[in-house]
C-alpha atoms as a PDB file:
ATOM      1  CA  GLN A   1     -89.324 -33.801  43.774  1.00  0.00           C
ATOM      2  CA  VAL A   2     -87.300 -34.834  40.531  1.00  0.00           C
ATOM      3  CA  GLN A   3     -89.242 -37.018  37.923  1.00  0.00           C
ATOM      4  CA  LEU A   4     -88.633 -38.667  34.979  1.00  0.00           C
ATOM      5  CA  VAL A   5     -91.405 -39.625  32.330  1.00  0.00           C
ATOM      6  CA  GLU A   6     -90.831 -41.629  29.326  1.00  0.00           C
ATOM      7  CA  SER A   7     -92.863 -42.007  26.117  1.00  0.00           C
ATOM      8  CA  GLY A   8     -93.334 -42.978  22.642  1.00  0.00           C
ATOM      9  CA  GLY A   9     -92.371 -46.651  22.992  1.00  0.00           C
ATOM     10  CA  GLY A  10     -94.338 -49.433  21.231  1.00  0.00           C
ATOM     11  CA  LEU A  11     -94.097 -52.389  18.549  1.00  0.00           C
ATOM     12  CA  VAL A  12     -92.464 -51.561  15.259  1.00  0.00           C
ATOM     13  CA  HIS A  13     -91.187 -53.853  12.676  1.00  0.00           C
ATOM     14  CA  TYR A  14     -87.730 -54.276  11.452  1.00  0.00           C
ATOM     15  CA  GLY A  15     -86.005 -51.557   9.913  1.00  0.00           C
ATOM     16  CA  GLY A  16     -88.855 -49.467  11.267  1.00  0.00           C
ATOM     17  CA  SER A  17     -88.379 -46.309  13.465  1.00  0.00           C
ATOM     18  CA  LEU A  18     -89.116 -44.702  17.095  1.00  0.00           C
ATOM     19  CA  ARG A  19     -88.912 -41.446  18.542  1.00  0.00           C
ATOM     20  CA  LEU A  20     -88.769 -41.552  22.595  1.00  0.00           C
ATOM     21  CA  SER A  21     -89.076 -38.473  24.617  1.00  0.00           C
ATOM     22  CA  CYS A  22     -88.850 -38.083  28.498  1.00  0.00           C
ATOM     23  CA  LYS A  23     -90.236 -34.791  30.197  1.00  0.00           C
ATOM     24  CA  LEU A  24     -88.094 -34.126  33.355  1.00  0.00           C
ATOM     25  CA  SER A  25     -89.906 -32.244  36.019  1.00  0.00           C
ATOM     26  CA  GLY A  26     -88.874 -31.161  39.505  1.00  0.00           C
ATOM     27  CA  THR A  27     -85.628 -28.712  40.106  1.00  0.00           C
ATOM     28  CA  ILE A  28     -82.068 -30.236  39.636  1.00  0.00           C
ATOM     29  CA  ILE A  29     -79.333 -28.372  40.640  1.00  0.00           C
ATOM     30  CA  GLY A  30     -75.966 -27.723  38.499  1.00  0.00           C
ATOM     31  CA  ILE A  31     -75.278 -29.066  35.293  1.00  0.00           C
ATOM     32  CA  TYR A  32     -76.138 -32.608  34.505  1.00  0.00           C
ATOM     33  CA  THR A  33     -75.744 -34.907  31.592  1.00  0.00           C
ATOM     34  CA  MET A  34     -79.115 -36.430  30.248  1.00  0.00           C
ATOM     35  CA  GLY A  35     -79.285 -40.197  28.321  1.00  0.00           C
ATOM     36  CA  TRP A  36     -81.132 -43.059  27.487  1.00  0.00           C
ATOM     37  CA  PHE A  37     -80.133 -46.953  28.449  1.00  0.00           C
ATOM     38  CA  ARG A  38     -81.833 -50.056  27.841  1.00  0.00           C
ATOM     39  CA  GLN A  39     -82.506 -53.246  29.694  1.00  0.00           C
ATOM     40  CA  PRO A  40     -82.808 -56.124  27.253  1.00  0.00           C
ATOM     41  CA  PRO A  41     -85.026 -59.489  28.342  1.00  0.00           C
ATOM     42  CA  GLY A  42     -82.587 -61.096  30.952  1.00  0.00           C
ATOM     43  CA  LYS A  43     -79.605 -58.869  30.184  1.00  0.00           C
ATOM     44  CA  GLU A  44     -78.259 -56.069  32.475  1.00  0.00           C
ATOM     45  CA  ARG A  45     -78.755 -52.025  31.551  1.00  0.00           C
ATOM     46  CA  ASP A  46     -76.508 -50.398  29.649  1.00  0.00           C
ATOM     47  CA  MET A  47     -76.089 -47.087  27.859  1.00  0.00           C
ATOM     48  CA  VAL A  48     -77.197 -46.138  24.725  1.00  0.00           C
ATOM     49  CA  ALA A  49     -76.895 -42.257  24.728  1.00  0.00           C
ATOM     50  CA  THR A  50     -75.805 -39.515  26.298  1.00  0.00           C
ATOM     51  CA  ILE A  51     -75.880 -35.769  25.951  1.00  0.00           C
ATOM     52  CA  THR A  52     -74.418 -33.417  28.058  1.00  0.00           C
ATOM     53  CA  SER A  53     -75.499 -29.901  29.065  1.00  0.00           C
ATOM     54  CA  ASP A  54     -73.731 -28.346  26.050  1.00  0.00           C
ATOM     55  CA  ASP A  55     -74.745 -31.064  23.730  1.00  0.00           C
ATOM     56  CA  ARG A  56     -72.009 -33.004  23.777  1.00  0.00           C
ATOM     57  CA  THR A  57     -73.394 -36.633  22.475  1.00  0.00           C
ATOM     58  CA  SER A  58     -72.155 -40.074  23.093  1.00  0.00           C
ATOM     59  CA  TYR A  59     -73.391 -43.554  21.770  1.00  0.00           C
ATOM     60  CA  ALA A  60     -72.615 -47.026  22.153  1.00  0.00           C
ATOM     61  CA  GLU A  61     -71.424 -48.423  19.240  1.00  0.00           C
ATOM     62  CA  SER A  62     -73.989 -50.319  17.652  1.00  0.00           C
ATOM     63  CA  MET A  63     -76.304 -47.277  18.027  1.00  0.00           C
ATOM     64  CA  LYS A  64     -74.228 -45.113  16.020  1.00  0.00           C
ATOM     65  CA  GLY A  65     -75.294 -43.881  12.746  1.00  0.00           C
ATOM     66  CA  ARG A  66     -78.832 -44.912  14.051  1.00  0.00           C
ATOM     67  CA  PHE A  67     -79.975 -43.557  17.020  1.00  0.00           C
ATOM     68  CA  THR A  68     -80.013 -39.439  17.709  1.00  0.00           C
ATOM     69  CA  ILE A  69     -80.237 -38.417  21.012  1.00  0.00           C
ATOM     70  CA  SER A  70     -81.397 -34.269  21.416  1.00  0.00           C
ATOM     71  CA  ARG A  71     -82.029 -32.486  24.702  1.00  0.00           C
ATOM     72  CA  ASP A  72     -84.115 -29.315  24.975  1.00  0.00           C
ATOM     73  CA  ASN A  73     -83.298 -27.197  27.785  1.00  0.00           C
ATOM     74  CA  VAL A  74     -86.280 -25.025  27.964  1.00  0.00           C
ATOM     75  CA  LYS A  75     -89.147 -27.974  27.880  1.00  0.00           C
ATOM     76  CA  ASN A  76     -87.018 -30.006  30.166  1.00  0.00           C
ATOM     77  CA  MET A  77     -87.019 -32.759  27.345  1.00  0.00           C
ATOM     78  CA  VAL A  78     -84.607 -35.251  26.271  1.00  0.00           C
ATOM     79  CA  TYR A  79     -85.088 -37.660  22.957  1.00  0.00           C
ATOM     80  CA  LEU A  80     -84.018 -40.739  21.029  1.00  0.00           C
ATOM     81  CA  GLN A  81     -84.581 -40.876  17.095  1.00  0.00           C
ATOM     82  CA  MET A  82     -84.396 -44.838  16.709  1.00  0.00           C
ATOM     83  CA  ASP A  83     -83.912 -45.412  13.142  1.00  0.00           C
ATOM     84  CA  SER A  84     -83.146 -48.884  11.406  1.00  0.00           C
ATOM     85  CA  LEU A  85     -84.500 -51.083  14.064  1.00  0.00           C
ATOM     86  CA  LYS A  86     -83.393 -54.435  14.608  1.00  0.00           C
ATOM     87  CA  PRO A  87     -84.872 -56.927  16.596  1.00  0.00           C
ATOM     88  CA  GLU A  88     -82.142 -56.956  18.865  1.00  0.00           C
ATOM     89  CA  ASP A  89     -82.910 -53.521  19.947  1.00  0.00           C
ATOM     90  CA  THR A  90     -85.910 -54.683  21.758  1.00  0.00           C
ATOM     91  CA  ALA A  91     -85.617 -53.547  25.365  1.00  0.00           C
ATOM     92  CA  VAL A  92     -86.933 -51.832  27.918  1.00  0.00           C
ATOM     93  CA  TYR A  93     -85.655 -48.051  27.502  1.00  0.00           C
ATOM     94  CA  TYR A  94     -84.835 -45.993  30.440  1.00  0.00           C
ATOM     95  CA  CYS A  95     -84.542 -42.205  30.507  1.00  0.00           C
ATOM     96  CA  ASN A  96     -81.547 -41.029  32.788  1.00  0.00           C
ATOM     97  CA  VAL A  97     -80.551 -37.318  34.601  1.00  0.00           C
ATOM     98  CA  HIS A  98     -76.879 -37.525  35.929  1.00  0.00           C
ATOM     99  CA  GLN A  99     -76.335 -34.778  38.314  1.00  0.00           C
ATOM    100  CA  ASP A 100     -72.435 -33.957  37.334  1.00  0.00           C
ATOM    101  CA  TRP A 101     -70.750 -32.308  40.522  1.00  0.00           C
ATOM    102  CA  ARG A 102     -71.947 -35.311  43.034  1.00  0.00           C
ATOM    103  CA  SER A 103     -73.168 -38.322  41.002  1.00  0.00           C
ATOM    104  CA  LYS A 104     -76.332 -38.284  41.540  1.00  0.00           C
ATOM    105  CA  ASP A 105     -78.570 -40.744  39.248  1.00  0.00           C
ATOM    106  CA  TYR A 106     -82.194 -40.318  38.430  1.00  0.00           C
ATOM    107  CA  TRP A 107     -84.092 -42.657  36.743  1.00  0.00           C
ATOM    108  CA  GLY A 108     -87.759 -43.082  34.763  1.00  0.00           C
ATOM    109  CA  LEU A 109     -89.681 -46.410  34.914  1.00  0.00           C
ATOM    110  CA  GLY A 110     -88.862 -47.267  31.436  1.00  0.00           C
ATOM    111  CA  THR A 111     -90.677 -47.613  28.241  1.00  0.00           C
ATOM    112  CA  GLN A 112     -91.241 -51.014  26.694  1.00  0.00           C
ATOM    113  CA  VAL A 113     -89.701 -51.336  22.758  1.00  0.00           C
ATOM    114  CA  THR A 114     -90.474 -54.309  21.014  1.00  0.00           C
ATOM    115  CA  VAL A 115     -88.734 -54.792  17.116  1.00  0.00           C
ATOM    116  CA  SER A 116     -90.340 -58.068  15.359  1.00  0.00           C
ATOM    117  CA  SER A 117     -88.544 -59.556  12.117  1.00  0.00           C
END
């Protein structure tokens, strides 16, 4: 059974940094993309950043230059380094694994990030 567990969220001041981590447990057959999504209060869930099995990264426009995604395939981890945080970054951040060959998604339960002004 596949399980994703996020950690590292919390309260930070404007301009601060946080590093989110996500541990993947279980077996996923084939190649898969890992990523982070976020859902601000009252809004839809949107992509933050993704990283493929060969380390190609993609970022939402507003995160470019501030956030960095990385993965460790040995430890089955994906990370999101968030710098220069703004109040509008406040959201629940979800870890995602996208199984490429059959377009199946797995989700973590999320971790809250709150940025105070």
